[in-house]
Amino acid sequence: MTTDIITNKYGEAFKKVALKDLKKGDEFKRKPDALKNFYKGHYNRKCSFYPTPTYTCVADNDVWGSGVEINARSYVYIDASGATNFSEVL
């Protein structure tokens, strides 16, 4: 598990972690300077629809809850003090 501390242009501190290391419902950003937050959802294993394993992640302002598939091997950014979990929302 990687624990690089990164400060964005707004002065907020983030840790760079692997998406697979987060729990379902954890809040993260795809880039340190991003304005949109995402919540980790369910796992999609490799199949004919998904050539690589992914996680379905829902944006915080997505009213329909459709989500986006993010590669399971990607790195994301969480708050330096730790990820906030919203598992009751998902």
PDB file of N, CA and C in Angstrom:
ATOM      1  N   MET A   1       0.844  -1.177   0.000  1.00  0.00           N
ATOM      2  CA  MET A   1       0.000   0.000   0.000  1.00  0.00           C
ATOM      3  C   MET A   1       0.893   1.246   0.000  1.00  0.00           C
ATOM      4  N   THR A   2       0.667   2.120  -0.958  1.00  0.00           N
ATOM      5  CA  THR A   2       1.448   3.337  -1.083  1.00  0.00           C
ATOM      6  C   THR A   2       0.840   4.442  -0.220  1.00  0.00           C
ATOM      7  N   THR A   3       1.682   5.217   0.453  1.00  0.00           N
ATOM      8  CA  THR A   3       1.181   6.292   1.314  1.00  0.00           C
ATOM      9  C   THR A   3       1.907   7.604   1.030  1.00  0.00           C
ATOM     10  N   ASP A   4       1.935   8.031  -0.214  1.00  0.00           N
ATOM     11  CA  ASP A   4       2.546   9.301  -0.584  1.00  0.00           C
ATOM     12  C   ASP A   4       1.604  10.440  -0.196  1.00  0.00           C
ATOM     13  N   ILE A   5       2.140  11.465   0.503  1.00  0.00           N
ATOM     14  CA  ILE A   5       1.348  12.638   0.863  1.00  0.00           C
ATOM     15  C   ILE A   5       1.539  13.695  -0.219  1.00  0.00           C
ATOM     16  N   ILE A   6       0.419  14.192  -0.760  1.00  0.00           N
ATOM     17  CA  ILE A   6       0.443  15.171  -1.840  1.00  0.00           C
ATOM     18  C   ILE A   6      -0.418  16.353  -1.426  1.00  0.00           C
ATOM     19  N   THR A   7       0.056  17.572  -1.691  1.00  0.00           N
ATOM     20  CA  THR A   7      -0.714  18.787  -1.420  1.00  0.00           C
ATOM     21  C   THR A   7      -1.177  19.356  -2.754  1.00  0.00           C
ATOM     22  N   ASN A   8      -2.475  19.626  -2.876  1.00  0.00           N
ATOM     23  CA  ASN A   8      -2.998  20.166  -4.130  1.00  0.00           C
ATOM     24  C   ASN A   8      -2.877  21.689  -4.153  1.00  0.00           C
ATOM     25  N   LYS A   9      -3.352  22.293  -5.234  1.00  0.00           N
ATOM     26  CA  LYS A   9      -3.212  23.741  -5.395  1.00  0.00           C
ATOM     27  C   LYS A   9      -4.091  24.533  -4.436  1.00  0.00           C
ATOM     28  N   TYR A  10      -5.031  23.878  -3.763  1.00  0.00           N
ATOM     29  CA  TYR A  10      -5.895  24.535  -2.778  1.00  0.00           C
ATOM     30  C   TYR A  10      -5.338  24.427  -1.360  1.00  0.00           C
ATOM     31  N   GLY A  11      -4.210  23.744  -1.190  1.00  0.00           N
ATOM     32  CA  GLY A  11      -3.585  23.588   0.115  1.00  0.00           C
ATOM     33  C   GLY A  11      -4.088  22.404   0.918  1.00  0.00           C
ATOM     34  N   GLU A  12      -4.864  21.517   0.309  1.00  0.00           N
ATOM     35  CA  GLU A  12      -5.373  20.328   0.990  1.00  0.00           C
ATOM     36  C   GLU A  12      -4.376  19.183   0.829  1.00  0.00           C
ATOM     37  N   ALA A  13      -4.226  18.373   1.873  1.00  0.00           N
ATOM     38  CA  ALA A  13      -3.290  17.253   1.842  1.00  0.00           C
ATOM     39  C   ALA A  13      -4.037  15.955   1.561  1.00  0.00           C
ATOM     40  N   PHE A  14      -3.459  15.152   0.679  1.00  0.00           N
ATOM     41  CA  PHE A  14      -4.044  13.877   0.282  1.00  0.00           C
ATOM     42  C   PHE A  14      -2.999  12.782   0.318  1.00  0.00           C
ATOM     43  N   LYS A  15      -3.481  11.541   0.489  1.00  0.00           N
ATOM     44  CA  LYS A  15      -2.645  10.349   0.385  1.00  0.00           C
ATOM     45  C   LYS A  15      -2.974   9.658  -0.926  1.00  0.00           C
ATOM     46  N   LYS A  16      -1.941   9.204  -1.616  1.00  0.00           N
ATOM     47  CA  LYS A  16      -2.134   8.426  -2.837  1.00  0.00           C
ATOM     48  C   LYS A  16      -2.214   6.960  -2.444  1.00  0.00           C
ATOM     49  N   VAL A  17      -3.338   6.305  -2.732  1.00  0.00           N
ATOM     50  CA  VAL A  17      -3.543   4.901  -2.370  1.00  0.00           C
ATOM     51  C   VAL A  17      -4.123   4.147  -3.564  1.00  0.00           C
ATOM     52  N   ALA A  18      -3.991   2.849  -3.539  1.00  0.00           N
ATOM     53  CA  ALA A  18      -4.589   2.004  -4.572  1.00  0.00           C
ATOM     54  C   ALA A  18      -6.091   1.898  -4.320  1.00  0.00           C
ATOM     55  N   LEU A  19      -6.877   1.965  -5.385  1.00  0.00           N
ATOM     56  CA  LEU A  19      -8.329   1.873  -5.261  1.00  0.00           C
ATOM     57  C   LEU A  19      -8.753   0.559  -4.619  1.00  0.00           C
ATOM     58  N   LYS A  20      -8.041  -0.517  -4.924  1.00  0.00           N
ATOM     59  CA  LYS A  20      -8.402  -1.834  -4.376  1.00  0.00           C
ATOM     60  C   LYS A  20      -8.221  -1.915  -2.863  1.00  0.00           C
ATOM     61  N   ASP A  21      -7.414  -1.007  -2.275  1.00  0.00           N
ATOM     62  CA  ASP A  21      -7.186  -1.016  -0.828  1.00  0.00           C
ATOM     63  C   ASP A  21      -8.274  -0.291  -0.038  1.00  0.00           C
ATOM     64  N   LEU A  22      -9.155   0.429  -0.713  1.00  0.00           N
ATOM     65  CA  LEU A  22     -10.236   1.137  -0.025  1.00  0.00           C
ATOM     66  C   LEU A  22     -11.403   0.197   0.245  1.00  0.00           C
ATOM     67  N   LYS A  23     -12.214   0.539   1.239  1.00  0.00           N
ATOM     68  CA  LYS A  23     -13.420  -0.226   1.549  1.00  0.00           C
ATOM     69  C   LYS A  23     -14.584   0.307   0.725  1.00  0.00           C
ATOM     70  N   LYS A  24     -15.610  -0.507   0.575  1.00  0.00           N
ATOM     71  CA  LYS A  24     -16.808  -0.076  -0.134  1.00  0.00           C
ATOM     72  C   LYS A  24     -17.419   1.106   0.616  1.00  0.00           C
ATOM     73  N   GLY A  25     -17.690   2.190  -0.117  1.00  0.00           N
ATOM     74  CA  GLY A  25     -18.272   3.390   0.476  1.00  0.00           C
ATOM     75  C   GLY A  25     -17.258   4.464   0.820  1.00  0.00           C
ATOM     76  N   ASP A  26     -15.952   4.176   0.691  1.00  0.00           N
ATOM     77  CA  ASP A  26     -14.927   5.175   0.989  1.00  0.00           C
ATOM     78  C   ASP A  26     -14.943   6.290  -0.054  1.00  0.00           C
ATOM     79  N   GLU A  27     -14.721   7.507   0.419  1.00  0.00           N
ATOM     80  CA  GLU A  27     -14.706   8.683  -0.446  1.00  0.00           C
ATOM     81  C   GLU A  27     -13.283   8.939  -0.955  1.00  0.00           C
ATOM     82  N   PHE A  28     -13.158   9.302  -2.243  1.00  0.00           N
ATOM     83  CA  PHE A  28     -11.851   9.582  -2.827  1.00  0.00           C
ATOM     84  C   PHE A  28     -11.988  10.548  -3.988  1.00  0.00           C
ATOM     85  N   LYS A  29     -10.851  11.059  -4.451  1.00  0.00           N
ATOM     86  CA  LYS A  29     -10.777  11.880  -5.649  1.00  0.00           C
ATOM     87  C   LYS A  29      -9.892  11.161  -6.648  1.00  0.00           C
ATOM     88  N   ARG A  30     -10.169  11.339  -7.934  1.00  0.00           N
ATOM     89  CA  ARG A  30      -9.360  10.688  -8.960  1.00  0.00           C
ATOM     90  C   ARG A  30      -8.032  11.392  -9.172  1.00  0.00           C
ATOM     91  N   LYS A  31      -7.989  12.712  -8.941  1.00  0.00           N
ATOM     92  CA  LYS A  31      -6.770  13.508  -9.029  1.00  0.00           C
ATOM     93  C   LYS A  31      -6.747  14.451  -7.834  1.00  0.00           C
ATOM     94  N   PRO A  32      -5.587  14.873  -7.364  1.00  0.00           N
ATOM     95  CA  PRO A  32      -5.535  15.734  -6.172  1.00  0.00           C
ATOM     96  C   PRO A  32      -6.253  17.073  -6.351  1.00  0.00           C
ATOM     97  N   ASP A  33      -6.232  17.648  -7.567  1.00  0.00           N
ATOM     98  CA  ASP A  33      -6.861  18.949  -7.804  1.00  0.00           C
ATOM     99  C   ASP A  33      -8.312  18.843  -8.251  1.00  0.00           C
ATOM    100  N   ALA A  34      -8.871  17.657  -8.319  1.00  0.00           N
ATOM    101  CA  ALA A  34     -10.245  17.457  -8.785  1.00  0.00           C
ATOM    102  C   ALA A  34     -11.251  18.066  -7.812  1.00  0.00           C
ATOM    103  N   LEU A  35     -12.349  18.546  -8.351  1.00  0.00           N
ATOM    104  CA  LEU A  35     -13.419  19.104  -7.518  1.00  0.00           C
ATOM    105  C   LEU A  35     -14.455  18.049  -7.151  1.00  0.00           C
ATOM    106  N   LYS A  36     -14.565  17.002  -7.951  1.00  0.00           N
ATOM    107  CA  LYS A  36     -15.583  15.972  -7.747  1.00  0.00           C
ATOM    108  C   LYS A  36     -15.052  14.843  -6.870  1.00  0.00           C
ATOM    109  N   ASN A  37     -15.859  14.416  -5.909  1.00  0.00           N
ATOM    110  CA  ASN A  37     -15.539  13.261  -5.061  1.00  0.00           C
ATOM    111  C   ASN A  37     -16.301  12.047  -5.562  1.00  0.00           C
ATOM    112  N   PHE A  38     -15.726  10.869  -5.341  1.00  0.00           N
ATOM    113  CA  PHE A  38     -16.362   9.609  -5.713  1.00  0.00           C
ATOM    114  C   PHE A  38     -16.453   8.711  -4.492  1.00  0.00           C
ATOM    115  N   TYR A  39     -17.361   7.736  -4.556  1.00  0.00           N
ATOM    116  CA  TYR A  39     -17.510   6.722  -3.520  1.00  0.00           C
ATOM    117  C   TYR A  39     -17.297   5.370  -4.173  1.00  0.00           C
ATOM    118  N   LYS A  40     -16.464   4.541  -3.551  1.00  0.00           N
ATOM    119  CA  LYS A  40     -16.176   3.220  -4.112  1.00  0.00           C
ATOM    120  C   LYS A  40     -17.400   2.331  -3.973  1.00  0.00           C
ATOM    121  N   GLY A  41     -17.749   1.685  -5.070  1.00  0.00           N
ATOM    122  CA  GLY A  41     -18.900   0.789  -5.088  1.00  0.00           C
ATOM    123  C   GLY A  41     -18.477  -0.654  -5.223  1.00  0.00           C
ATOM    124  N   HIS A  42     -19.258  -1.417  -5.985  1.00  0.00           N
ATOM    125  CA  HIS A  42     -19.017  -2.852  -6.090  1.00  0.00           C
ATOM    126  C   HIS A  42     -17.945  -3.192  -7.124  1.00  0.00           C
ATOM    127  N   TYR A  43     -17.421  -4.399  -7.005  1.00  0.00           N
ATOM    128  CA  TYR A  43     -16.344  -4.914  -7.848  1.00  0.00           C
ATOM    129  C   TYR A  43     -16.936  -5.588  -9.078  1.00  0.00           C
ATOM    130  N   ASN A  44     -16.343  -5.323 -10.249  1.00  0.00           N
ATOM    131  CA  ASN A  44     -16.730  -5.970 -11.501  1.00  0.00           C
ATOM    132  C   ASN A  44     -15.548  -6.810 -11.976  1.00  0.00           C
ATOM    133  N   ARG A  45     -15.694  -8.106 -11.929  1.00  0.00           N
ATOM    134  CA  ARG A  45     -14.574  -8.954 -12.341  1.00  0.00           C
ATOM    135  C   ARG A  45     -14.425  -8.945 -13.860  1.00  0.00           C
ATOM    136  N   LYS A  46     -13.302  -9.418 -14.322  1.00  0.00           N
ATOM    137  CA  LYS A  46     -12.990  -9.458 -15.744  1.00  0.00           C
ATOM    138  C   LYS A  46     -13.960 -10.390 -16.457  1.00  0.00           C
ATOM    139  N   CYS A  47     -14.565  -9.910 -17.552  1.00  0.00           N
ATOM    140  CA  CYS A  47     -15.478 -10.722 -18.360  1.00  0.00           C
ATOM    141  C   CYS A  47     -15.541 -10.107 -19.757  1.00  0.00           C
ATOM    142  N   SER A  48     -16.485 -10.520 -20.555  1.00  0.00           N
ATOM    143  CA  SER A  48     -16.577  -9.994 -21.913  1.00  0.00           C
ATOM    144  C   SER A  48     -16.971  -8.510 -21.937  1.00  0.00           C
ATOM    145  N   PHE A  49     -17.703  -8.043 -20.917  1.00  0.00           N
ATOM    146  CA  PHE A  49     -18.079  -6.625 -20.844  1.00  0.00           C
ATOM    147  C   PHE A  49     -16.962  -5.764 -20.280  1.00  0.00           C
ATOM    148  N   TYR A  50     -16.179  -6.314 -19.357  1.00  0.00           N
ATOM    149  CA  TYR A  50     -15.086  -5.595 -18.721  1.00  0.00           C
ATOM    150  C   TYR A  50     -13.786  -6.338 -19.014  1.00  0.00           C
ATOM    151  N   PRO A  51     -12.956  -5.853 -19.960  1.00  0.00           N
ATOM    152  CA  PRO A  51     -11.717  -6.564 -20.283  1.00  0.00           C
ATOM    153  C   PRO A  51     -10.702  -6.566 -19.135  1.00  0.00           C
ATOM    154  N   THR A  52     -10.825  -5.613 -18.203  1.00  0.00           N
ATOM    155  CA  THR A  52      -9.992  -5.589 -16.998  1.00  0.00           C
ATOM    156  C   THR A  52     -10.910  -5.455 -15.794  1.00  0.00           C
ATOM    157  N   PRO A  53     -10.505  -5.912 -14.627  1.00  0.00           N
ATOM    158  CA  PRO A  53     -11.340  -5.749 -13.432  1.00  0.00           C
ATOM    159  C   PRO A  53     -11.524  -4.264 -13.105  1.00  0.00           C
ATOM    160  N   THR A  54     -12.741  -3.902 -12.698  1.00  0.00           N
ATOM    161  CA  THR A  54     -13.048  -2.511 -12.372  1.00  0.00           C
ATOM    162  C   THR A  54     -13.875  -2.442 -11.101  1.00  0.00           C
ATOM    163  N   TYR A  55     -14.025  -1.237 -10.581  1.00  0.00           N
ATOM    164  CA  TYR A  55     -14.958  -0.944  -9.505  1.00  0.00           C
ATOM    165  C   TYR A  55     -15.947   0.083 -10.031  1.00  0.00           C
ATOM    166  N   THR A  56     -17.217  -0.083  -9.730  1.00  0.00           N
ATOM    167  CA  THR A  56     -18.199   0.921 -10.067  1.00  0.00           C
ATOM    168  C   THR A  56     -18.187   1.961  -8.962  1.00  0.00           C
ATOM    169  N   CYS A  57     -17.893   3.200  -9.327  1.00  0.00           N
ATOM    170  CA  CYS A  57     -17.776   4.290  -8.357  1.00  0.00           C
ATOM    171  C   CYS A  57     -18.796   5.362  -8.701  1.00  0.00           C
ATOM    172  N   VAL A  58     -19.429   5.924  -7.684  1.00  0.00           N
ATOM    173  CA  VAL A  58     -20.490   6.907  -7.866  1.00  0.00           C
ATOM    174  C   VAL A  58     -19.979   8.273  -7.457  1.00  0.00           C
ATOM    175  N   ALA A  59     -20.235   9.275  -8.305  1.00  0.00           N
ATOM    176  CA  ALA A  59     -19.842  10.643  -7.995  1.00  0.00           C
ATOM    177  C   ALA A  59     -20.753  11.213  -6.919  1.00  0.00           C
ATOM    178  N   ASP A  60     -20.241  12.160  -6.143  1.00  0.00           N
ATOM    179  CA  ASP A  60     -21.032  12.727  -5.050  1.00  0.00           C
ATOM    180  C   ASP A  60     -22.198  13.566  -5.538  1.00  0.00           C
ATOM    181  N   ASN A  61     -22.146  14.098  -6.755  1.00  0.00           N
ATOM    182  CA  ASN A  61     -23.239  14.913  -7.273  1.00  0.00           C
ATOM    183  C   ASN A  61     -24.052  14.193  -8.346  1.00  0.00           C
ATOM    184  N   ASP A  62     -23.934  12.880  -8.417  1.00  0.00           N
ATOM    185  CA  ASP A  62     -24.667  12.082  -9.398  1.00  0.00           C
ATOM    186  C   ASP A  62     -26.041  11.730  -8.829  1.00  0.00           C
ATOM    187  N   VAL A  63     -27.068  12.455  -9.272  1.00  0.00           N
ATOM    188  CA  VAL A  63     -28.407  12.256  -8.710  1.00  0.00           C
ATOM    189  C   VAL A  63     -29.026  10.932  -9.123  1.00  0.00           C
ATOM    190  N   TRP A  64     -28.612  10.367 -10.250  1.00  0.00           N
ATOM    191  CA  TRP A  64     -29.175   9.107 -10.714  1.00  0.00           C
ATOM    192  C   TRP A  64     -28.428   7.906 -10.162  1.00  0.00           C
ATOM    193  N   GLY A  65     -27.223   8.098  -9.665  1.00  0.00           N
ATOM    194  CA  GLY A  65     -26.469   7.003  -9.072  1.00  0.00           C
ATOM    195  C   GLY A  65     -25.963   5.987 -10.066  1.00  0.00           C
ATOM    196  N   SER A  66     -25.750   6.404 -11.304  1.00  0.00           N
ATOM    197  CA  SER A  66     -25.335   5.461 -12.339  1.00  0.00           C
ATOM    198  C   SER A  66     -23.888   5.004 -12.171  1.00  0.00           C
ATOM    199  N   GLY A  67     -22.995   5.899 -11.845  1.00  0.00           N
ATOM    200  CA  GLY A  67     -21.619   5.536 -11.571  1.00  0.00           C
ATOM    201  C   GLY A  67     -20.746   5.448 -12.808  1.00  0.00           C
ATOM    202  N   VAL A  68     -19.464   5.243 -12.561  1.00  0.00           N
ATOM    203  CA  VAL A  68     -18.461   5.109 -13.604  1.00  0.00           C
ATOM    204  C   VAL A  68     -17.551   3.958 -13.214  1.00  0.00           C
ATOM    205  N   GLU A  69     -17.094   3.195 -14.210  1.00  0.00           N
ATOM    206  CA  GLU A  69     -16.195   2.080 -13.937  1.00  0.00           C
ATOM    207  C   GLU A  69     -14.758   2.586 -13.943  1.00  0.00           C
ATOM    208  N   ILE A  70     -14.029   2.327 -12.866  1.00  0.00           N
ATOM    209  CA  ILE A  70     -12.642   2.737 -12.737  1.00  0.00           C
ATOM    210  C   ILE A  70     -11.795   1.478 -12.584  1.00  0.00           C
ATOM    211  N   ASN A  71     -10.678   1.442 -13.294  1.00  0.00           N
ATOM    212  CA  ASN A  71      -9.787   0.287 -13.280  1.00  0.00           C
ATOM    213  C   ASN A  71      -9.396  -0.058 -11.848  1.00  0.00           C
ATOM    214  N   ALA A  72      -9.432  -1.329 -11.514  1.00  0.00           N
ATOM    215  CA  ALA A  72      -9.132  -1.778 -10.151  1.00  0.00           C
ATOM    216  C   ALA A  72      -7.675  -1.539  -9.767  1.00  0.00           C
ATOM    217  N   ARG A  73      -6.797  -1.392 -10.737  1.00  0.00           N
ATOM    218  CA  ARG A  73      -5.375  -1.177 -10.457  1.00  0.00           C
ATOM    219  C   ARG A  73      -4.992   0.299 -10.370  1.00  0.00           C
ATOM    220  N   SER A  74      -5.949   1.198 -10.512  1.00  0.00           N
ATOM    221  CA  SER A  74      -5.625   2.624 -10.513  1.00  0.00           C
ATOM    222  C   SER A  74      -5.371   3.143  -9.101  1.00  0.00           C
ATOM    223  N   TYR A  75      -4.695   4.271  -9.041  1.00  0.00           N
ATOM    224  CA  TYR A  75      -4.424   4.950  -7.782  1.00  0.00           C
ATOM    225  C   TYR A  75      -5.336   6.153  -7.663  1.00  0.00           C
ATOM    226  N   VAL A  76      -5.818   6.403  -6.454  1.00  0.00           N
ATOM    227  CA  VAL A  76      -6.720   7.517  -6.179  1.00  0.00           C
ATOM    228  C   VAL A  76      -6.196   8.279  -4.972  1.00  0.00           C
ATOM    229  N   TYR A  77      -6.869   9.363  -4.629  1.00  0.00           N
ATOM    230  CA  TYR A  77      -6.397  10.241  -3.560  1.00  0.00           C
ATOM    231  C   TYR A  77      -7.474  10.376  -2.489  1.00  0.00           C
ATOM    232  N   ILE A  78      -7.072  10.132  -1.245  1.00  0.00           N
ATOM    233  CA  ILE A  78      -7.977  10.271  -0.107  1.00  0.00           C
ATOM    234  C   ILE A  78      -7.421  11.342   0.820  1.00  0.00           C
ATOM    235  N   ASP A  79      -8.234  11.810   1.744  1.00  0.00           N
ATOM    236  CA  ASP A  79      -7.807  12.805   2.716  1.00  0.00           C
ATOM    237  C   ASP A  79      -6.619  12.269   3.509  1.00  0.00           C
ATOM    238  N   ALA A  80      -5.684  13.150   3.847  1.00  0.00           N
ATOM    239  CA  ALA A  80      -4.462  12.721   4.542  1.00  0.00           C
ATOM    240  C   ALA A  80      -4.751  12.066   5.883  1.00  0.00           C
ATOM    241  N   SER A  81      -5.861  12.412   6.523  1.00  0.00           N
ATOM    242  CA  SER A  81      -6.197  11.810   7.812  1.00  0.00           C
ATOM    243  C   SER A  81      -6.903  10.460   7.666  1.00  0.00           C
ATOM    244  N   GLY A  82      -7.237  10.077   6.434  1.00  0.00           N
ATOM    245  CA  GLY A  82      -7.907   8.803   6.190  1.00  0.00           C
ATOM    246  C   GLY A  82      -9.186   8.987   5.407  1.00  0.00           C
ATOM    247  N   ALA A  83      -9.660   7.916   4.820  1.00  0.00           N
ATOM    248  CA  ALA A  83     -10.863   7.981   3.993  1.00  0.00           C
ATOM    249  C   ALA A  83     -12.111   8.057   4.861  1.00  0.00           C
ATOM    250  N   THR A  84     -13.065   8.861   4.417  1.00  0.00           N
ATOM    251  CA  THR A  84     -14.374   8.928   5.062  1.00  0.00           C
ATOM    252  C   THR A  84     -15.252   7.870   4.421  1.00  0.00           C
ATOM    253  N   ASN A  85     -15.948   7.079   5.224  1.00  0.00           N
ATOM    254  CA  ASN A  85     -16.756   5.991   4.689  1.00  0.00           C
ATOM    255  C   ASN A  85     -18.224   6.358   4.730  1.00  0.00           C
ATOM    256  N   PHE A  86     -18.890   6.158   3.581  1.00  0.00           N
ATOM    257  CA  PHE A  86     -20.317   6.405   3.436  1.00  0.00           C
ATOM    258  C   PHE A  86     -21.005   5.134   2.950  1.00  0.00           C
ATOM    259  N   SER A  87     -20.712   4.002   3.576  1.00  0.00           N
ATOM    260  CA  SER A  87     -21.255   2.730   3.124  1.00  0.00           C
ATOM    261  C   SER A  87     -22.776   2.660   3.243  1.00  0.00           C
ATOM    262  N   GLU A  88     -23.359   3.440   4.152  1.00  0.00           N
ATOM    263  CA  GLU A  88     -24.820   3.416   4.284  1.00  0.00           C
ATOM    264  C   GLU A  88     -25.511   4.088   3.107  1.00  0.00           C
ATOM    265  N   VAL A  89     -24.783   4.901   2.331  1.00  0.00           N
ATOM    266  CA  VAL A  89     -25.348   5.556   1.153  1.00  0.00           C
ATOM    267  C   VAL A  89     -25.436   4.598  -0.007  1.00  0.00           C
ATOM    268  N   LEU A  90     -24.468   3.709  -0.123  1.00  0.00           N
ATOM    269  CA  LEU A  90     -24.436   2.783  -1.264  1.00  0.00           C
ATOM    270  C   LEU A  90     -25.261   1.597  -0.972  1.00  0.00           C
TER     271      LEU A  90
END
